[in-house]
Amino acid sequence: MSKTNASLMKRREAAVPRGVGQIHPIFAESAKNATVTDVEGREFIDFAGGIAVLNTGHVHPKIIAAVTEQLNKLTHTCFQVLAYEPYVEVCEKINAKVPGDFAKKTLLVTTGSEAVENSIKIARAATGRAGVIAFTGAYHGRTMMTLGLTGKVVPYSAGMGLMPGGIFRALYPNELHGVSIDDSIASIERIFKNDAEPRDIAAIIIEPVQGEGGFYVAPKEFMKRLRALCDQHGILLIADEVQTGAGRTGTFFAMEQMGVAADLTTFAKSIAGGFPLAGVCGKAEYMDAIAPGGLGGTYAGSPIACAAALAVMEVFEEEHLLDRCKAVGERLVTGLKAMQAKYPVIGEVRALGAMIAVELFVDGDSHKPNAPAVAAVVAKARDKGLILLSCGTYGNVLRVLVPLTSPDEQLDKGLAIIEECFAEL
């Protein structure tokens, strides 16, 4: 009997816990660049990119070649037992790319959650403080500490009880929804007045562009004021670039566009082109605050993933993917804004580079998020051969994370499908 999506979904339901969500009832068989083929032989244009993991596309030949070469040399030693050069080389290259005119060091781990978790450990050790300030709408991961930082209970921490203490929530600036820069800074000052003294706060962690929260871009002026506030009180600023990093926003790290540098930067997702690699890069003095043995992990900085990451960084240079990112973003935003003029359900189209969001409202009212319309567009697009994602605190945002290597004709075809979906709403 040939495999079908339906038969595999039945097996999945019997074998995999329901807490592991699945947006599309599709099983992928193979993929190339921005095209995915399912087990039934149907092709889909991939505007999801594995949730921002495939900036260099599916199975990029240079990355596969680098991984194949590494596979024949060494797959694992545990870096803390026997080191290997690719780990060190990745760290050297990341140290050079992360914004900040100071000596840096980098820790490699396996997942974005792990990177964020370690950034908090480093901040606590470096400052001798325990408290952390995160923001409304934030997404920082699914481990216990990162769930505490994540600003969305359902579905991420629902039913699990209270998350770790010592975390305080400030307002993320969001002009569309009436939160000004002054409001956001005032919310931090309120924490200092009502909840914790500045001398008890180790770090403020922020996504320069919110991911799950809805792709809202932090204003440069806000980031400057946040940097000044951290400097005033000896608080470390952590930039969570797990989703924005590796070229998604038109610079290798989004903070390059923010006018200030963070003390610690987390990265993951697209850094290794689909292989699990993540890390923390920061000021050398802070990164060295933890004694030997306090950082690491069995699979942390896998030689295979390191080989992939080195190839990813070469592909960015050779294929001029930062320029391509800007071109992809401009092409898609132009098409989506043309749709906005025709369909009142589209309240806002926003982007930084090729990190693109379309927010839907009922009757154009920004106080009435339209999650059902987003769900309908995602489902209709799938039926027409396009894979899309949703996000946002209220589930009313379409997000586009297409591989930067996707050809223009495929981008245009994806736009045409999205327009068909809006026309049918």
Protein backbone atom coordinates (compact mmCIF):
# COMPACT_ATOMS: atom_id res chain seq x y z
CA MET A 1 0.00 0.00 0.00
CA SER A 2 1.42 3.39 -1.00
CA LYS A 3 1.90 6.02 1.67
CA THR A 4 -0.62 8.84 1.88
CA ASN A 5 -0.77 11.92 4.07
CA ALA A 6 -3.98 10.57 5.64
CA SER A 7 -2.48 7.16 6.50
CA LEU A 8 0.65 8.76 7.98
CA MET A 9 -1.48 11.18 10.00
CA LYS A 10 -3.26 8.18 11.56
CA ARG A 11 0.07 6.60 12.49
CA ARG A 12 1.26 9.95 13.86
CA GLU A 13 -1.83 10.35 16.05
CA ALA A 14 -1.26 6.89 17.53
CA ALA A 15 2.48 7.32 18.13
CA VAL A 16 3.13 11.04 18.82
CA PRO A 17 1.68 13.08 21.75
CA ARG A 18 -0.97 15.65 20.84
CA GLY A 19 1.15 18.41 22.41
CA VAL A 20 3.39 18.26 19.33
CA GLY A 21 1.32 20.46 17.04
CA GLN A 22 1.23 20.23 13.25
CA ILE A 23 0.07 23.17 11.14
CA HIS A 24 -0.40 21.30 7.86
CA PRO A 25 -1.63 17.67 7.54
CA ILE A 26 1.18 16.95 5.08
CA PHE A 27 4.18 14.62 5.20
CA ALA A 28 7.18 15.87 3.23
CA GLU A 29 9.15 13.34 1.19
CA SER A 30 11.77 15.59 -0.40
CA ALA A 31 12.58 19.23 -1.03
CA LYS A 32 14.78 21.46 -3.13
CA ASN A 33 15.33 25.19 -2.60
CA ALA A 34 11.80 26.57 -1.99
CA THR A 35 9.82 23.57 -3.29
CA VAL A 36 8.64 20.69 -1.09
CA THR A 37 7.25 17.41 -2.45
CA ASP A 38 4.93 15.39 -0.22
CA VAL A 39 4.60 11.58 0.04
CA GLU A 40 1.82 11.65 -2.57
CA GLY A 41 4.06 13.42 -5.09
CA ARG A 42 2.41 16.84 -4.84
CA GLU A 43 4.64 19.92 -4.95
CA PHE A 44 4.25 22.95 -2.67
CA ILE A 45 5.89 26.37 -2.70
CA ASP A 46 7.44 26.80 0.74
CA PHE A 47 6.80 30.26 2.24
CA ALA A 48 7.44 28.88 5.76
CA GLY A 49 11.10 27.86 5.45
CA GLY A 50 10.92 25.46 8.39
CA ILE A 51 10.00 28.49 10.55
CA ALA A 52 12.94 30.70 9.49
CA VAL A 53 15.47 27.85 9.31
CA LEU A 54 15.97 27.65 5.54
CA ASN A 55 17.19 31.09 4.46
CA THR A 56 19.58 29.24 2.13
CA GLY A 57 16.81 26.93 0.87
CA HIS A 58 16.24 23.21 1.22
CA VAL A 59 19.28 20.95 0.64
CA HIS A 60 21.57 23.64 -0.74
CA PRO A 61 24.29 21.75 -2.68
CA LYS A 62 27.20 23.56 -1.01
CA ILE A 63 25.85 22.83 2.47
CA ILE A 64 25.16 19.18 1.63
CA ALA A 65 28.70 18.83 0.23
CA ALA A 66 30.22 20.32 3.40
CA VAL A 67 28.16 18.04 5.63
CA THR A 68 28.99 14.97 3.52
CA GLU A 69 32.69 15.74 3.78
CA GLN A 70 32.41 16.16 7.56
CA LEU A 71 30.38 12.93 7.90
CA ASN A 72 33.31 10.99 6.47
CA LYS A 73 35.74 12.60 8.94
CA LEU A 74 34.01 12.87 12.32
CA THR A 75 30.42 12.93 13.55
CA HIS A 76 30.83 13.35 17.32
CA THR A 77 33.38 13.50 20.11
CA CYS A 78 31.63 15.93 22.49
CA PHE A 79 33.55 19.20 22.20
CA GLN A 80 34.21 19.23 25.96
CA VAL A 81 36.09 15.90 25.63
CA LEU A 82 37.91 16.25 22.32
CA ALA A 83 37.69 19.55 20.45
CA TYR A 84 37.56 20.03 16.67
CA GLU A 85 38.42 23.01 14.49
CA PRO A 86 34.99 23.68 12.86
CA TYR A 87 33.53 24.65 16.27
CA VAL A 88 36.30 27.22 16.83
CA GLU A 89 36.00 28.53 13.27
CA VAL A 90 32.24 29.05 13.60
CA CYS A 91 32.84 30.98 16.84
CA GLU A 92 35.50 33.16 15.18
CA LYS A 93 33.16 34.02 12.31
CA ILE A 94 30.18 34.74 14.58
CA ASN A 95 32.37 36.94 16.82
CA ALA A 96 33.21 39.00 13.72
CA LYS A 97 29.58 39.25 12.54
CA VAL A 98 27.71 40.10 15.74
CA PRO A 99 27.42 43.89 16.23
CA GLY A 100 29.52 45.54 18.94
CA ASP A 101 32.94 47.15 19.01
CA PHE A 102 34.36 44.96 21.77
CA ALA A 103 36.10 41.60 22.23
CA LYS A 104 33.60 38.75 21.88
CA LYS A 105 33.38 35.04 22.57
CA THR A 106 30.77 32.53 21.39
CA LEU A 107 29.21 29.43 22.95
CA LEU A 108 27.65 26.85 20.63
CA VAL A 109 24.66 24.73 21.64
CA THR A 110 21.93 22.86 19.76
CA THR A 111 18.59 24.71 19.95
CA GLY A 112 17.30 28.26 20.24
CA SER A 113 15.74 27.56 23.63
CA GLU A 114 19.10 26.28 24.83
CA ALA A 115 20.80 29.43 23.56
CA VAL A 116 18.35 31.70 25.41
CA GLU A 117 18.57 29.59 28.57
CA ASN A 118 22.37 29.89 28.51
CA SER A 119 22.22 33.64 27.87
CA ILE A 120 20.30 34.01 31.15
CA LYS A 121 22.82 31.81 32.98
CA ILE A 122 25.66 33.96 31.63
CA ALA A 123 23.90 37.22 32.53
CA ARG A 124 23.23 36.00 36.07
CA ALA A 125 26.83 34.89 36.56
CA ALA A 126 28.25 38.10 35.06
CA THR A 127 26.11 40.46 37.15
CA GLY A 128 25.54 38.49 40.36
CA ARG A 129 21.83 39.27 39.93
CA ALA A 130 18.86 36.99 39.25
CA GLY A 131 15.94 38.99 37.79
CA VAL A 132 15.08 39.24 34.09
CA ILE A 133 12.77 41.57 32.19
CA ALA A 134 11.07 40.27 29.05
CA PHE A 135 8.32 41.76 26.87
CA THR A 136 4.69 41.24 26.01
CA GLY A 137 4.32 39.15 22.85
CA ALA A 138 7.80 37.65 23.30
CA TYR A 139 8.68 34.13 22.22
CA HIS A 140 11.92 32.75 23.64
CA GLY A 141 11.44 28.97 23.68
CA ARG A 142 9.80 25.96 25.30
CA THR A 143 12.14 25.02 28.19
CA MET A 144 10.97 26.03 31.67
CA MET A 145 13.06 29.22 31.90
CA THR A 146 12.33 30.26 28.34
CA LEU A 147 8.61 29.56 28.80
CA GLY A 148 8.76 32.03 31.69
CA LEU A 149 10.23 34.59 29.29
CA THR A 150 7.71 33.80 26.53
CA GLY A 151 4.75 36.18 26.63
CA LYS A 152 2.02 33.77 25.53
CA VAL A 153 0.48 31.15 27.81
CA VAL A 154 -1.75 29.29 25.32
CA PRO A 155 -0.55 26.97 23.88
CA TYR A 156 3.04 27.10 25.13
CA SER A 157 2.68 26.75 28.90
CA ALA A 158 -1.03 26.05 29.32
CA GLY A 159 -1.74 23.43 31.97
CA MET A 160 1.84 23.37 33.24
CA GLY A 161 1.43 25.63 36.26
CA LEU A 162 3.47 28.69 37.08
CA MET A 163 6.80 29.16 35.36
CA PRO A 164 10.05 30.15 37.16
CA GLY A 165 9.91 33.37 39.20
CA GLY A 166 12.09 36.46 38.98
CA ILE A 167 10.80 37.29 35.47
CA PHE A 168 9.02 40.60 34.90
CA ARG A 169 7.02 41.67 31.84
CA ALA A 170 7.36 45.06 30.12
CA LEU A 171 5.33 46.38 27.19
CA TYR A 172 6.82 45.85 23.73
CA PRO A 173 6.50 49.09 21.72
CA ASN A 174 3.77 48.69 19.12
CA GLU A 175 2.46 51.82 17.43
CA LEU A 176 -0.26 49.90 15.55
CA HIS A 177 -1.77 48.76 18.84
CA GLY A 178 -1.26 51.97 20.79
CA VAL A 179 1.93 51.22 22.74
CA SER A 180 4.35 54.11 22.29
CA ILE A 181 8.07 54.11 23.00
CA ASP A 182 7.35 56.22 26.08
CA ASP A 183 4.74 53.67 27.23
CA SER A 184 7.24 50.86 26.88
CA ILE A 185 10.03 52.64 28.78
CA ALA A 186 7.50 53.67 31.45
CA SER A 187 6.49 50.01 31.88
CA ILE A 188 10.11 49.14 32.70
CA GLU A 189 10.30 52.01 35.17
CA ARG A 190 7.09 50.67 36.77
CA ILE A 191 8.80 47.31 37.28
CA PHE A 192 11.64 49.15 39.05
CA LYS A 193 9.09 50.93 41.26
CA ASN A 194 6.67 48.07 41.95
CA ASP A 195 8.45 44.75 41.56
CA ALA A 196 12.25 44.74 41.59
CA GLU A 197 15.06 47.23 42.06
CA PRO A 198 17.36 47.70 39.05
CA ARG A 199 20.21 46.19 41.13
CA ASP A 200 18.21 42.92 41.19
CA ILE A 201 17.83 42.72 37.39
CA ALA A 202 20.52 40.78 35.53
CA ALA A 203 19.20 41.28 32.00
CA ILE A 204 16.56 42.68 29.70
CA ILE A 205 15.90 40.30 26.80
CA ILE A 206 14.26 41.47 23.58
CA GLU A 207 13.65 40.30 20.03
CA PRO A 208 14.61 43.16 17.66
CA VAL A 209 11.74 41.88 15.52
CA GLN A 210 9.21 39.78 17.40
CA GLY A 211 8.74 36.31 15.94
CA GLU A 212 5.68 34.44 17.22
CA GLY A 213 4.45 37.77 18.61
CA GLY A 214 3.62 39.07 15.13
CA PHE A 215 6.79 40.37 13.38
CA TYR A 216 6.63 43.78 15.04
CA VAL A 217 9.88 45.73 14.57
CA ALA A 218 11.42 47.47 17.57
CA PRO A 219 11.90 51.19 16.76
CA LYS A 220 15.55 52.32 16.68
CA GLU A 221 14.81 55.13 19.12
CA PHE A 222 13.40 52.60 21.58
CA MET A 223 16.48 50.40 21.29
CA LYS A 224 18.72 53.41 21.99
CA ARG A 225 16.73 54.28 25.08
CA LEU A 226 16.72 50.65 26.21
CA ARG A 227 20.51 50.50 25.77
CA ALA A 228 20.91 53.70 27.81
CA LEU A 229 18.63 52.33 30.55
CA CYS A 230 20.67 49.11 30.76
CA ASP A 231 23.93 51.08 30.90
CA GLN A 232 22.55 53.33 33.64
CA HIS A 233 21.70 50.40 35.89
CA GLY A 234 24.39 47.84 34.98
CA ILE A 235 21.84 45.54 33.33
CA LEU A 236 22.87 43.34 30.39
CA LEU A 237 20.92 43.74 27.14
CA ILE A 238 20.23 40.42 25.43
CA ALA A 239 19.16 40.43 21.77
CA ASP A 240 17.28 37.25 20.90
CA GLU A 241 18.15 36.86 17.21
CA VAL A 242 17.11 33.22 16.91
CA GLN A 243 14.57 34.08 14.19
CA THR A 244 16.01 37.35 12.86
CA GLY A 245 19.61 36.15 12.61
CA ALA A 246 21.45 34.61 9.65
CA GLY A 247 20.30 37.24 7.19
CA ARG A 248 16.50 37.20 7.44
CA THR A 249 16.17 40.98 7.91
CA GLY A 250 18.64 42.20 5.27
CA THR A 251 21.68 42.31 7.56
CA PHE A 252 23.25 39.18 9.03
CA PHE A 253 21.95 40.24 12.45
CA ALA A 254 18.95 42.57 12.83
CA MET A 255 20.73 44.55 15.57
CA GLU A 256 23.03 45.94 12.86
CA GLN A 257 20.02 48.11 11.90
CA MET A 258 19.15 49.19 15.44
CA GLY A 259 21.96 51.67 16.09
CA VAL A 260 23.12 49.93 19.29
CA ALA A 261 24.80 46.65 20.23
CA ALA A 262 23.55 44.08 22.72
CA ASP A 263 25.81 42.62 25.42
CA LEU A 264 24.70 39.09 24.53
CA THR A 265 23.16 37.82 21.29
CA THR A 266 21.41 34.51 20.80
CA PHE A 267 21.19 32.83 17.39
CA ALA A 268 19.94 29.54 15.92
CA LYS A 269 17.49 28.55 13.14
CA SER A 270 19.02 29.48 9.74
CA ILE A 271 22.63 29.62 10.94
CA ALA A 272 23.25 26.01 9.84
CA GLY A 273 20.83 25.62 6.93
CA GLY A 274 18.58 23.02 8.54
CA PHE A 275 21.09 21.32 10.85
CA PRO A 276 20.63 21.87 14.61
CA LEU A 277 23.00 24.59 15.81
CA ALA A 278 22.50 27.56 18.10
CA GLY A 279 24.60 29.77 20.31
CA VAL A 280 25.28 32.82 22.42
CA CYS A 281 27.79 35.50 21.43
CA GLY A 282 28.72 38.27 23.79
CA LYS A 283 31.31 40.48 25.43
CA ALA A 284 34.27 38.29 26.30
CA GLU A 285 34.28 39.39 29.96
CA TYR A 286 30.64 38.34 30.38
CA MET A 287 31.03 35.10 28.42
CA ASP A 288 33.96 34.16 30.69
CA ALA A 289 31.95 34.72 33.89
CA ILE A 290 31.10 31.01 34.19
CA ALA A 291 33.82 28.56 35.29
CA PRO A 292 34.89 25.58 33.13
CA GLY A 293 32.15 22.93 33.09
CA GLY A 294 29.30 25.41 33.58
CA LEU A 295 28.54 25.69 29.86
CA GLY A 296 28.19 23.06 27.15
CA GLY A 297 26.19 19.97 26.32
CA THR A 298 26.72 16.51 24.87
CA TYR A 299 25.72 17.47 21.32
CA ALA A 300 26.44 21.19 21.66
CA GLY A 301 28.24 22.50 18.56
CA SER A 302 28.05 19.21 16.64
CA PRO A 303 30.84 18.95 14.04
CA ILE A 304 28.23 18.21 11.35
CA ALA A 305 26.20 21.30 12.21
CA CYS A 306 29.38 23.41 12.42
CA ALA A 307 30.38 22.29 8.91
CA ALA A 308 26.91 23.27 7.71
CA ALA A 309 27.14 26.69 9.38
CA LEU A 310 30.50 27.44 7.78
CA ALA A 311 28.97 26.57 4.40
CA VAL A 312 25.93 28.77 5.11
CA MET A 313 28.18 31.76 5.77
CA GLU A 314 30.08 31.08 2.52
CA VAL A 315 26.80 30.84 0.58
CA PHE A 316 25.72 34.22 1.97
CA GLU A 317 28.93 35.76 0.65
CA GLU A 318 29.09 33.97 -2.71
CA GLU A 319 25.40 34.39 -3.59
CA HIS A 320 25.08 37.92 -2.11
CA LEU A 321 22.11 36.76 -0.05
CA LEU A 322 21.86 39.92 2.06
CA ASP A 323 21.20 41.90 -1.13
CA ARG A 324 18.88 39.14 -2.31
CA CYS A 325 17.03 39.34 1.03
CA LYS A 326 16.25 43.01 0.45
CA ALA A 327 15.08 42.29 -3.11
CA VAL A 328 12.85 39.42 -1.95
CA GLY A 329 11.37 41.61 0.77
CA GLU A 330 10.69 44.50 -1.61
CA ARG A 331 9.08 42.23 -4.21
CA LEU A 332 6.77 40.53 -1.71
CA VAL A 333 5.88 43.69 0.22
CA THR A 334 5.00 45.51 -3.03
CA GLY A 335 2.66 42.68 -4.01
CA LEU A 336 1.10 42.41 -0.56
CA LYS A 337 0.55 46.17 -0.25
CA ALA A 338 -1.24 46.11 -3.61
CA MET A 339 -3.55 43.49 -2.08
CA GLN A 340 -4.00 45.66 1.03
CA ALA A 341 -5.42 48.42 -1.18
CA LYS A 342 -8.03 45.97 -2.52
CA TYR A 343 -8.98 43.92 0.54
CA PRO A 344 -10.06 45.82 3.69
CA VAL A 345 -9.41 42.74 5.85
CA ILE A 346 -5.65 43.48 5.50
CA GLY A 347 -4.88 46.01 8.22
CA GLU A 348 -1.11 46.23 7.85
CA VAL A 349 1.76 44.83 5.80
CA ARG A 350 5.12 45.19 7.55
CA ALA A 351 8.62 43.86 7.05
CA LEU A 352 12.27 44.16 7.91
CA GLY A 353 14.14 42.67 4.98
CA ALA A 354 12.36 39.44 4.08
CA MET A 355 10.75 38.95 7.50
CA ILE A 356 7.23 39.81 6.36
CA ALA A 357 3.87 39.97 8.14
CA VAL A 358 0.30 40.65 7.04
CA GLU A 359 -2.06 41.49 9.91
CA LEU A 360 -5.78 40.93 9.42
CA PHE A 361 -8.62 42.74 11.19
CA VAL A 362 -12.42 42.63 11.18
CA ASP A 363 -13.73 45.62 9.18
CA GLY A 364 -10.29 47.24 9.28
CA ASP A 365 -10.57 47.77 13.06
CA SER A 366 -7.18 47.25 14.72
CA HIS A 367 -9.01 46.39 17.97
CA LYS A 368 -10.65 43.37 16.29
CA PRO A 369 -8.05 40.75 15.32
CA ASN A 370 -9.31 38.43 12.58
CA ALA A 371 -7.84 35.01 13.36
CA PRO A 372 -10.52 33.08 11.39
CA ALA A 373 -9.54 34.91 8.19
CA VAL A 374 -5.87 34.02 8.74
CA ALA A 375 -6.77 30.36 9.32
CA ALA A 376 -8.87 30.37 6.15
CA VAL A 377 -6.07 31.90 4.04
CA VAL A 378 -3.52 29.38 5.39
CA ALA A 379 -5.86 26.46 4.57
CA LYS A 380 -6.87 27.79 1.14
CA ALA A 381 -3.24 28.49 0.22
CA ARG A 382 -2.28 24.93 1.16
CA ASP A 383 -5.02 23.56 -1.11
CA LYS A 384 -3.55 25.68 -3.92
CA GLY A 385 0.02 24.49 -3.31
CA LEU A 386 1.47 27.19 -1.02
CA ILE A 387 2.70 26.63 2.54
CA LEU A 388 2.08 29.61 4.84
CA LEU A 389 2.34 30.20 8.59
CA SER A 390 0.35 32.28 11.05
CA CYS A 391 1.54 34.04 14.20
CA GLY A 392 0.60 36.85 16.57
CA THR A 393 -0.76 36.99 20.10
CA TYR A 394 -4.28 36.62 18.66
CA GLY A 395 -3.36 34.40 15.71
CA ASN A 396 -4.34 37.12 13.24
CA VAL A 397 -1.01 37.55 11.43
CA LEU A 398 0.19 35.79 8.28
CA ARG A 399 3.96 35.50 8.19
CA VAL A 400 6.27 34.87 5.26
CA LEU A 401 9.70 33.25 5.74
CA VAL A 402 10.43 32.09 2.20
CA PRO A 403 14.00 30.94 1.45
CA LEU A 404 16.06 33.88 0.19
CA THR A 405 17.22 31.67 -2.67
CA SER A 406 13.69 31.31 -4.11
CA PRO A 407 13.52 32.54 -7.73
CA ASP A 408 11.35 35.56 -8.59
CA GLU A 409 8.86 33.52 -10.60
CA GLN A 410 8.18 31.35 -7.56
CA LEU A 411 7.73 34.43 -5.35
CA ASP A 412 5.23 35.81 -7.88
CA LYS A 413 3.36 32.50 -8.03
CA GLY A 414 3.12 32.50 -4.24
CA LEU A 415 1.78 36.07 -4.28
CA ALA A 416 -0.81 35.10 -6.91
CA ILE A 417 -2.02 32.24 -4.70
CA ILE A 418 -2.29 34.55 -1.68
CA GLU A 419 -4.34 37.00 -3.75
CA GLU A 420 -6.66 34.20 -4.88
CA CYS A 421 -7.20 33.29 -1.22
CA PHE A 422 -8.12 36.87 -0.27
CA ALA A 423 -10.46 37.11 -3.27
CA GLU A 424 -12.27 33.98 -2.04
CA LEU A 425 -12.64 35.11 1.60
